[in-house]
PDB file of all heavy atoms in Angstrom:
ATOM      1  N   LYS A   1      55.330   5.255-206.188  1.00  0.00           N
ATOM      2  CA  LYS A   1      56.605   4.648-206.554  1.00  0.00           C
ATOM      3  C   LYS A   1      56.283   3.268-207.254  1.00  0.00           C
ATOM      4  O   LYS A   1      55.583   2.469-206.649  1.00  0.00           O
ATOM      5  CB  LYS A   1      57.531   4.445-205.375  1.00  0.00           C
ATOM      6  CG  LYS A   1      57.844   5.675-204.694  1.00  0.00           C
ATOM      7  CD  LYS A   1      58.708   5.375-203.455  1.00  0.00           C
ATOM      8  CE  LYS A   1      58.998   6.730-202.740  1.00  0.00           C
ATOM      9  NZ  LYS A   1      59.747   7.587-203.268  1.00  0.00           N
ATOM     10  N   GLU A   2      56.695   2.982-208.510  1.00  0.00           N
ATOM     11  CA  GLU A   2      56.450   1.796-209.237  1.00  0.00           C
ATOM     12  C   GLU A   2      56.986   0.631-208.403  1.00  0.00           C
ATOM     13  O   GLU A   2      58.108   0.677-207.900  1.00  0.00           O
ATOM     14  CB  GLU A   2      56.871   1.803-210.575  1.00  0.00           C
ATOM     15  CG  GLU A   2      56.212   2.978-211.414  1.00  0.00           C
ATOM     16  CD  GLU A   2      56.684   2.932-212.872  1.00  0.00           C
ATOM     17  OE1 GLU A   2      57.915   2.650-212.990  1.00  0.00           O
ATOM     18  OE2 GLU A   2      55.952   3.399-213.803  1.00  0.00           O
ATOM     19  N   ASP A   3      56.234  -0.505-208.534  1.00  0.00           N
ATOM     20  CA  ASP A   3      56.722  -1.684-207.701  1.00  0.00           C
ATOM     21  C   ASP A   3      55.998  -2.909-208.313  1.00  0.00           C
ATOM     22  O   ASP A   3      55.137  -2.710-209.245  1.00  0.00           O
ATOM     23  CB  ASP A   3      56.396  -1.565-206.318  1.00  0.00           C
ATOM     24  CG  ASP A   3      57.358  -2.592-205.467  1.00  0.00           C
ATOM     25  OD1 ASP A   3      58.102  -3.213-206.001  1.00  0.00           O
ATOM     26  OD2 ASP A   3      57.171  -2.547-204.205  1.00  0.00           O
ATOM     27  N   ILE A   4      56.474  -4.051-207.946  1.00  0.00           N
ATOM     28  CA  ILE A   4      55.781  -5.320-208.371  1.00  0.00           C
ATOM     29  C   ILE A   4      55.574  -6.309-207.201  1.00  0.00           C
ATOM     30  O   ILE A   4      56.166  -6.071-206.163  1.00  0.00           O
ATOM     31  CB  ILE A   4      56.670  -6.117-209.468  1.00  0.00           C
ATOM     32  CG1 ILE A   4      57.929  -6.371-208.845  1.00  0.00           C
ATOM     33  CG2 ILE A   4      56.765  -5.291-210.670  1.00  0.00           C
ATOM     34  CD1 ILE A   4      58.851  -7.434-209.762  1.00  0.00           C
ATOM     35  N   TYR A   5      54.619  -7.140-207.388  1.00  0.00           N
ATOM     36  CA  TYR A   5      54.428  -8.145-206.370  1.00  0.00           C
ATOM     37  C   TYR A   5      54.151  -9.508-206.976  1.00  0.00           C
ATOM     38  O   TYR A   5      53.919  -9.484-208.211  1.00  0.00           O
ATOM     39  CB  TYR A   5      53.319  -7.845-205.353  1.00  0.00           C
ATOM     40  CG  TYR A   5      51.890  -7.929-206.031  1.00  0.00           C
ATOM     41  CD1 TYR A   5      51.120  -9.098-205.831  1.00  0.00           C
ATOM     42  CD2 TYR A   5      51.354  -6.944-206.782  1.00  0.00           C
ATOM     43  CE1 TYR A   5      49.844  -9.100-206.459  1.00  0.00           C
ATOM     44  CE2 TYR A   5      50.190  -6.976-207.389  1.00  0.00           C
ATOM     45  CZ  TYR A   5      49.421  -8.092-207.260  1.00  0.00           C
ATOM     46  OH  TYR A   5      48.198  -8.167-207.780  1.00  0.00           O
ATOM     47  N   VAL A   6      54.227 -10.581-206.227  1.00  0.00           N
ATOM     48  CA  VAL A   6      54.064 -11.935-206.756  1.00  0.00           C
ATOM     49  C   VAL A   6      52.683 -12.416-206.302  1.00  0.00           C
ATOM     50  O   VAL A   6      52.462 -12.384-205.083  1.00  0.00           O
ATOM     51  CB  VAL A   6      55.227 -12.867-206.345  1.00  0.00           C
ATOM     52  CG1 VAL A   6      54.863 -14.239-206.809  1.00  0.00           C
ATOM     53  CG2 VAL A   6      56.625 -12.380-206.935  1.00  0.00           C
ATOM     54  N   ASP A   7      51.864 -12.678-207.180  1.00  0.00           N
ATOM     55  CA  ASP A   7      50.503 -13.254-206.887  1.00  0.00           C
ATOM     56  C   ASP A   7      50.465 -14.610-206.436  1.00  0.00           C
ATOM     57  O   ASP A   7      51.497 -15.416-206.304  1.00  0.00           O
ATOM     58  CB  ASP A   7      49.519 -12.958-207.869  1.00  0.00           C
ATOM     59  CG  ASP A   7      49.747 -13.779-209.306  1.00  0.00           C
ATOM     60  OD1 ASP A   7      50.560 -14.753-209.067  1.00  0.00           O
ATOM     61  OD2 ASP A   7      49.162 -13.402-210.320  1.00  0.00           O
ATOM     62  N   ALA A   8      49.274 -15.090-206.125  1.00  0.00           N
ATOM     63  CA  ALA A   8      49.117 -16.635-205.614  1.00  0.00           C
ATOM     64  C   ALA A   8      49.605 -17.617-206.580  1.00  0.00           C
ATOM     65  O   ALA A   8      49.927 -18.656-206.298  1.00  0.00           O
ATOM     66  CB  ALA A   8      47.616 -16.834-205.208  1.00  0.00           C
ATOM     67  N   LYS A   9      49.505 -17.239-207.920  1.00  0.00           N
ATOM     68  CA  LYS A   9      50.128 -18.162-208.853  1.00  0.00           C
ATOM     69  C   LYS A   9      51.494 -18.074-209.222  1.00  0.00           C
ATOM     70  O   LYS A   9      52.094 -18.723-210.061  1.00  0.00           O
ATOM     71  CB  LYS A   9      49.307 -17.852-210.303  1.00  0.00           C
ATOM     72  CG  LYS A   9      47.870 -18.151-210.075  1.00  0.00           C
ATOM     73  CD  LYS A   9      47.239 -17.630-211.507  1.00  0.00           C
ATOM     74  CE  LYS A   9      45.661 -18.047-211.467  1.00  0.00           C
ATOM     75  NZ  LYS A   9      45.082 -17.676-212.772  1.00  0.00           N
ATOM     76  N   GLY A  10      52.205 -17.132-208.431  1.00  0.00           N
ATOM     77  CA  GLY A  10      53.777 -16.983-208.618  1.00  0.00           C
ATOM     78  C   GLY A  10      54.084 -16.113-209.706  1.00  0.00           C
ATOM     79  O   GLY A  10      55.118 -15.959-210.224  1.00  0.00           O
ATOM     80  N   GLU A  11      53.067 -15.369-210.206  1.00  0.00           N
ATOM     81  CA  GLU A  11      53.282 -14.360-211.329  1.00  0.00           C
ATOM     82  C   GLU A  11      53.458 -12.934-210.813  1.00  0.00           C
ATOM     83  O   GLU A  11      52.819 -12.610-209.883  1.00  0.00           O
ATOM     84  CB  GLU A  11      52.101 -14.536-212.349  1.00  0.00           C
ATOM     85  CG  GLU A  11      51.939 -15.846-213.011  1.00  0.00           C
ATOM     86  CD  GLU A  11      50.626 -15.778-213.826  1.00  0.00           C
ATOM     87  OE1 GLU A  11      49.865 -14.842-213.943  1.00  0.00           O
ATOM     88  OE2 GLU A  11      50.468 -16.813-214.532  1.00  0.00           O
ATOM     89  N   LYS A  12      54.436 -12.233-211.546  1.00  0.00           N
ATOM     90  CA  LYS A  12      54.679 -10.881-211.175  1.00  0.00           C
ATOM     91  C   LYS A  12      53.594 -10.031-211.532  1.00  0.00           C
ATOM     92  O   LYS A  12      53.176  -9.954-212.746  1.00  0.00           O
ATOM     93  CB  LYS A  12      56.078 -10.354-211.702  1.00  0.00           C
ATOM     94  CG  LYS A  12      57.223 -11.205-211.030  1.00  0.00           C
ATOM     95  CD  LYS A  12      58.532 -10.737-211.592  1.00  0.00           C
ATOM     96  CE  LYS A  12      59.786 -11.460-211.007  1.00  0.00           C
ATOM     97  NZ  LYS A  12      61.014 -10.959-211.427  1.00  0.00           N
ATOM     98  N   ARG A  13      53.143  -9.140-210.733  1.00  0.00           N
ATOM     99  CA  ARG A  13      52.088  -8.050-211.111  1.00  0.00           C
ATOM    100  C   ARG A  13      52.477  -6.657-210.777  1.00  0.00           C
ATOM    101  O   ARG A  13      53.231  -6.493-209.669  1.00  0.00           O
ATOM    102  CB  ARG A  13      50.699  -8.529-210.370  1.00  0.00           C
ATOM    103  CG  ARG A  13      50.208  -9.894-210.550  1.00  0.00           C
ATOM    104  CD  ARG A  13      49.709  -9.978-211.988  1.00  0.00           C
ATOM    105  NE  ARG A  13      49.126 -11.423-212.296  1.00  0.00           N
ATOM    106  CZ  ARG A  13      48.706 -11.699-213.445  1.00  0.00           C
ATOM    107  NH1 ARG A  13      48.819 -10.956-214.548  1.00  0.00           N
ATOM    108  NH2 ARG A  13      48.167 -12.925-213.515  1.00  0.00           N
ATOM    109  N   PRO A  14      52.062  -5.639-211.421  1.00  0.00           N
ATOM    110  CA  PRO A  14      52.410  -4.333-211.190  1.00  0.00           C
ATOM    111  C   PRO A  14      51.650  -3.744-209.925  1.00  0.00           C
ATOM    112  O   PRO A  14      50.473  -4.197-209.619  1.00  0.00           O
ATOM    113  CB  PRO A  14      52.052  -3.517-212.333  1.00  0.00           C
ATOM    114  CG  PRO A  14      50.822  -4.330-212.879  1.00  0.00           C
ATOM    115  CD  PRO A  14      51.293  -5.842-212.661  1.00  0.00           C
ATOM    116  N   CYS A  15      52.222  -2.909-209.194  1.00  0.00           N
ATOM    117  CA  CYS A  15      51.545  -2.279-208.133  1.00  0.00           C
ATOM    118  C   CYS A  15      52.397  -0.834-207.856  1.00  0.00           C
ATOM    119  O   CYS A  15      53.361  -0.555-208.481  1.00  0.00           O
ATOM    120  CB  CYS A  15      51.495  -3.090-206.699  1.00  0.00           C
ATOM    121  SG  CYS A  15      53.077  -3.530-206.104  1.00  0.00           S
ATOM    122  N   TYR A  16      51.983  -0.108-206.858  1.00  0.00           N
ATOM    123  CA  TYR A  16      52.611   1.020-206.485  1.00  0.00           C
ATOM    124  C   TYR A  16      52.817   1.130-205.041  1.00  0.00           C
ATOM    125  O   TYR A  16      51.891   0.608-204.238  1.00  0.00           O
ATOM    126  CB  TYR A  16      51.848   2.444-206.908  1.00  0.00           C
ATOM    127  CG  TYR A  16      51.854   2.600-208.492  1.00  0.00           C
ATOM    128  CD1 TYR A  16      50.803   1.943-209.257  1.00  0.00           C
ATOM    129  CD2 TYR A  16      52.890   3.303-208.957  1.00  0.00           C
ATOM    130  CE1 TYR A  16      50.972   2.182-210.686  1.00  0.00           C
ATOM    131  CE2 TYR A  16      52.856   3.513-210.462  1.00  0.00           C
ATOM    132  CZ  TYR A  16      51.887   2.973-211.232  1.00  0.00           C
ATOM    133  OH  TYR A  16      51.949   3.111-212.602  1.00  0.00           O
ATOM    134  N   GLU A  17      53.737   1.852-204.516  1.00  0.00           N
ATOM    135  CA  GLU A  17      53.996   2.125-203.235  1.00  0.00           C
ATOM    136  C   GLU A  17      53.550   3.619-203.150  1.00  0.00           C
ATOM    137  O   GLU A  17      54.018   4.580-203.825  1.00  0.00           O
ATOM    138  CB  GLU A  17      55.474   2.103-202.811  1.00  0.00           C
ATOM    139  CG  GLU A  17      56.012   0.606-202.555  1.00  0.00           C
ATOM    140  CD  GLU A  17      55.110  -0.254-201.570  1.00  0.00           C
ATOM    141  OE1 GLU A  17      54.673   0.363-200.482  1.00  0.00           O
ATOM    142  OE2 GLU A  17      54.991  -1.474-201.609  1.00  0.00           O
ATOM    143  N   VAL A  18      52.546   3.868-202.301  1.00  0.00           N
ATOM    144  CA  VAL A  18      51.846   5.148-202.196  1.00  0.00           C
ATOM    145  C   VAL A  18      52.368   5.850-201.037  1.00  0.00           C
ATOM    146  O   VAL A  18      52.202   5.504-199.910  1.00  0.00           O
ATOM    147  CB  VAL A  18      50.252   4.969-202.237  1.00  0.00           C
ATOM    148  CG1 VAL A  18      49.608   6.383-202.231  1.00  0.00           C
ATOM    149  CG2 VAL A  18      49.748   4.075-203.441  1.00  0.00           C
ATOM    150  N   THR A  19      52.879   7.071-201.183  1.00  0.00           N
ATOM    151  CA  THR A  19      53.273   7.894-200.113  1.00  0.00           C
ATOM    152  C   THR A  19      52.148   8.705-199.518  1.00  0.00           C
ATOM    153  O   THR A  19      50.972   8.628-199.842  1.00  0.00           O
ATOM    154  CB  THR A  19      54.308   9.028-200.661  1.00  0.00           C
ATOM    155  OG1 THR A  19      53.616   9.837-201.461  1.00  0.00           O
ATOM    156  CG2 THR A  19      55.492   8.258-201.442  1.00  0.00           C
ATOM    157  N   LYS A  20      52.454   9.312-198.381  1.00  0.00           N
ATOM    158  CA  LYS A  20      51.465   9.995-197.669  1.00  0.00           C
ATOM    159  C   LYS A  20      50.641  11.139-198.576  1.00  0.00           C
ATOM    160  O   LYS A  20      49.579  11.414-198.628  1.00  0.00           O
ATOM    161  CB  LYS A  20      51.995  10.684-196.415  1.00  0.00           C
ATOM    162  CG  LYS A  20      50.836  11.183-195.508  1.00  0.00           C
ATOM    163  CD  LYS A  20      51.584  11.691-194.118  1.00  0.00           C
ATOM    164  CE  LYS A  20      50.479  12.063-193.150  1.00  0.00           C
ATOM    165  NZ  LYS A  20      50.976  12.372-191.861  1.00  0.00           N
ATOM    166  N   LYS A  21      51.689  11.742-199.434  1.00  0.00           N
ATOM    167  CA  LYS A  21      51.187  12.814-200.381  1.00  0.00           C
ATOM    168  C   LYS A  21      50.290  11.983-201.455  1.00  0.00           C
ATOM    169  O   LYS A  21      49.285  12.584-201.813  1.00  0.00           O
ATOM    170  CB  LYS A  21      52.309  13.357-201.104  1.00  0.00           C
ATOM    171  CG  LYS A  21      53.083  14.527-200.364  1.00  0.00           C
ATOM    172  CD  LYS A  21      54.226  15.075-201.166  1.00  0.00           C
ATOM    173  CE  LYS A  21      54.948  16.112-200.322  1.00  0.00           C
ATOM    174  NZ  LYS A  21      55.900  16.764-201.284  1.00  0.00           N
ATOM    175  N   GLY A  22      50.621  10.782-201.830  1.00  0.00           N
ATOM    176  CA  GLY A  22      49.837  10.104-202.823  1.00  0.00           C
ATOM    177  C   GLY A  22      48.434   9.701-202.155  1.00  0.00           C
ATOM    178  O   GLY A  22      47.430   9.790-202.881  1.00  0.00           O
ATOM    179  N   CYS A  23      48.404   9.363-200.925  1.00  0.00           N
ATOM    180  CA  CYS A  23      47.200   9.125-200.254  1.00  0.00           C
ATOM    181  C   CYS A  23      46.280  10.388-200.219  1.00  0.00           C
ATOM    182  O   CYS A  23      45.091  10.194-200.271  1.00  0.00           O
ATOM    183  CB  CYS A  23      47.414   8.464-198.891  1.00  0.00           C
ATOM    184  SG  CYS A  23      48.019   6.832-198.861  1.00  0.00           S
ATOM    185  N   GLU A  24      46.911  11.480-199.883  1.00  0.00           N
ATOM    186  CA  GLU A  24      46.172  12.647-199.891  1.00  0.00           C
ATOM    187  C   GLU A  24      45.572  12.995-201.176  1.00  0.00           C
ATOM    188  O   GLU A  24      44.438  13.462-201.233  1.00  0.00           O
ATOM    189  CB  GLU A  24      47.065  13.878-199.355  1.00  0.00           C
ATOM    190  CG  GLU A  24      47.566  13.709-197.979  1.00  0.00           C
ATOM    191  CD  GLU A  24      48.543  14.763-197.518  1.00  0.00           C
ATOM    192  OE1 GLU A  24      48.965  15.388-198.422  1.00  0.00           O
ATOM    193  OE2 GLU A  24      48.957  14.797-196.331  1.00  0.00           O
ATOM    194  N   LEU A  25      46.262  12.762-202.220  1.00  0.00           N
ATOM    195  CA  LEU A  25      45.796  13.034-203.498  1.00  0.00           C
ATOM    196  C   LEU A  25      44.580  12.126-203.986  1.00  0.00           C
ATOM    197  O   LEU A  25      43.583  12.614-204.379  1.00  0.00           O
ATOM    198  CB  LEU A  25      46.915  12.776-204.619  1.00  0.00           C
ATOM    199  CG  LEU A  25      46.618  13.073-206.037  1.00  0.00           C
ATOM    200  CD1 LEU A  25      46.066  14.423-206.417  1.00  0.00           C
ATOM    201  CD2 LEU A  25      47.708  12.553-206.981  1.00  0.00           C
ATOM    202  N   ILE A  26      44.716  10.863-203.549  1.00  0.00           N
ATOM    203  CA  ILE A  26      43.570   9.950-203.796  1.00  0.00           C
ATOM    204  C   ILE A  26      42.454  10.324-202.898  1.00  0.00           C
ATOM    205  O   ILE A  26      41.270  10.327-203.345  1.00  0.00           O
ATOM    206  CB  ILE A  26      44.102   8.486-203.417  1.00  0.00           C
ATOM    207  CG1 ILE A  26      45.119   7.985-204.524  1.00  0.00           C
ATOM    208  CG2 ILE A  26      42.799   7.540-203.448  1.00  0.00           C
ATOM    209  CD1 ILE A  26      45.757   6.693-204.033  1.00  0.00           C
ATOM    210  N   GLY A  27      42.676  10.782-201.617  1.00  0.00           N
ATOM    211  CA  GLY A  27      41.586  11.090-200.773  1.00  0.00           C
ATOM    212  C   GLY A  27      40.872  12.318-201.171  1.00  0.00           C
ATOM    213  O   GLY A  27      39.644  12.440-201.007  1.00  0.00           O
ATOM    214  N   HIS A  28      41.499  13.275-201.998  1.00  0.00           N
ATOM    215  CA  HIS A  28      40.833  14.450-202.457  1.00  0.00           C
ATOM    216  C   HIS A  28      39.821  14.098-203.439  1.00  0.00           C
ATOM    217  O   HIS A  28      38.817  15.123-203.643  1.00  0.00           O
ATOM    218  CB  HIS A  28      41.834  15.470-202.961  1.00  0.00           C
ATOM    219  CG  HIS A  28      42.661  16.163-201.901  1.00  0.00           C
ATOM    220  ND1 HIS A  28      41.871  16.843-200.904  1.00  0.00           N
ATOM    221  CD2 HIS A  28      43.958  16.425-201.769  1.00  0.00           C
ATOM    222  CE1 HIS A  28      42.919  17.509-200.215  1.00  0.00           C
ATOM    223  NE2 HIS A  28      44.080  17.237-200.659  1.00  0.00           N
ATOM    224  N   LYS A  29      40.067  13.007-204.081  1.00  0.00           N
ATOM    225  CA  LYS A  29      38.987  12.550-205.145  1.00  0.00           C
ATOM    226  C   LYS A  29      37.747  11.891-204.515  1.00  0.00           C
ATOM    227  O   LYS A  29      36.830  11.637-205.204  1.00  0.00           O
ATOM    228  CB  LYS A  29      39.702  11.504-206.118  1.00  0.00           C
ATOM    229  CG  LYS A  29      40.859  12.250-206.815  1.00  0.00           C
ATOM    230  CD  LYS A  29      40.461  13.226-207.856  1.00  0.00           C
ATOM    231  CE  LYS A  29      41.711  13.876-208.575  1.00  0.00           C
ATOM    232  NZ  LYS A  29      41.228  14.996-209.415  1.00  0.00           N
ATOM    233  N   LEU A  30      37.833  11.601-203.265  1.00  0.00           N
ATOM    234  CA  LEU A  30      36.674  10.926-202.568  1.00  0.00           C
ATOM    235  C   LEU A  30      35.839  11.959-201.772  1.00  0.00           C
ATOM    236  O   LEU A  30      36.451  12.941-201.174  1.00  0.00           O
ATOM    237  CB  LEU A  30      37.179   9.863-201.640  1.00  0.00           C
ATOM    238  CG  LEU A  30      38.030   8.728-202.244  1.00  0.00           C
ATOM    239  CD1 LEU A  30      38.694   7.872-201.139  1.00  0.00           C
ATOM    240  CD2 LEU A  30      37.280   7.922-203.354  1.00  0.00           C
ATOM    241  N   THR A  31      34.636  11.659-201.736  1.00  0.00           N
ATOM    242  CA  THR A  31      33.749  12.614-200.983  1.00  0.00           C
ATOM    243  C   THR A  31      32.748  11.852-199.909  1.00  0.00           C
ATOM    244  O   THR A  31      32.762  10.679-200.040  1.00  0.00           O
ATOM    245  CB  THR A  31      32.769  13.336-202.045  1.00  0.00           C
ATOM    246  OG1 THR A  31      31.958  12.377-202.610  1.00  0.00           O
ATOM    247  CG2 THR A  31      33.516  14.091-203.035  1.00  0.00           C
ATOM    248  N   GLY A  32      32.302  12.643-199.101  1.00  0.00           N
ATOM    249  CA  GLY A  32      31.354  11.916-198.062  1.00  0.00           C
ATOM    250  C   GLY A  32      31.936  10.978-197.228  1.00  0.00           C
ATOM    251  O   GLY A  32      33.159  11.134-196.832  1.00  0.00           O
ATOM    252  N   LYS A  33      31.252  10.009-196.864  1.00  0.00           N
ATOM    253  CA  LYS A  33      31.502   9.070-195.943  1.00  0.00           C
ATOM    254  C   LYS A  33      32.893   8.279-196.263  1.00  0.00           C
ATOM    255  O   LYS A  33      33.844   8.074-195.396  1.00  0.00           O
ATOM    256  CB  LYS A  33      30.435   8.156-195.500  1.00  0.00           C
ATOM    257  CG  LYS A  33      30.744   7.118-194.475  1.00  0.00           C
ATOM    258  CD  LYS A  33      29.538   6.136-194.307  1.00  0.00           C
ATOM    259  CE  LYS A  33      29.967   4.980-193.238  1.00  0.00           C
ATOM    260  NZ  LYS A  33      28.749   4.137-193.048  1.00  0.00           N
ATOM    261  N   LYS A  34      32.953   7.932-197.565  1.00  0.00           N
ATOM    262  CA  LYS A  34      34.061   7.145-198.044  1.00  0.00           C
ATOM    263  C   LYS A  34      35.419   7.889-197.952  1.00  0.00           C
ATOM    264  O   LYS A  34      36.405   7.382-197.503  1.00  0.00           O
ATOM    265  CB  LYS A  34      33.751   6.814-199.538  1.00  0.00           C
ATOM    266  CG  LYS A  34      34.921   5.902-200.057  1.00  0.00           C
ATOM    267  CD  LYS A  34      34.576   5.499-201.519  1.00  0.00           C
ATOM    268  CE  LYS A  34      33.604   4.502-201.551  1.00  0.00           C
ATOM    269  NZ  LYS A  34      33.346   3.789-202.968  1.00  0.00           N
ATOM    270  N   GLY A  35      35.290   9.298-198.230  1.00  0.00           N
ATOM    271  CA  GLY A  35      36.422  10.118-198.194  1.00  0.00           C
ATOM    272  C   GLY A  35      36.954  10.173-196.588  1.00  0.00           C
ATOM    273  O   GLY A  35      38.181  10.159-196.334  1.00  0.00           O
ATOM    274  N   VAL A  36      36.065  10.429-195.769  1.00  0.00           N
ATOM    275  CA  VAL A  36      36.496  10.509-194.278  1.00  0.00           C
ATOM    276  C   VAL A  36      37.071   9.304-193.837  1.00  0.00           C
ATOM    277  O   VAL A  36      38.132   9.292-193.089  1.00  0.00           O
ATOM    278  CB  VAL A  36      35.135  10.796-193.551  1.00  0.00           C
ATOM    279  CG1 VAL A  36      35.409  10.909-191.982  1.00  0.00           C
ATOM    280  CG2 VAL A  36      34.504  12.274-193.909  1.00  0.00           C
TER     281      VAL A  36
END
C-alpha cells in the first residue's frame, strides 16, 4: 500500500505499508540464513 513519511528534514518521502502477503513475497526472494 503506497504511503509517505516525513524525514528528519521535514520533507515527505515515499514508502509502502507491507502486508503479510507482501512480506511473504519479499521473503521468497531471500535464501539461506537471511531468508530464515
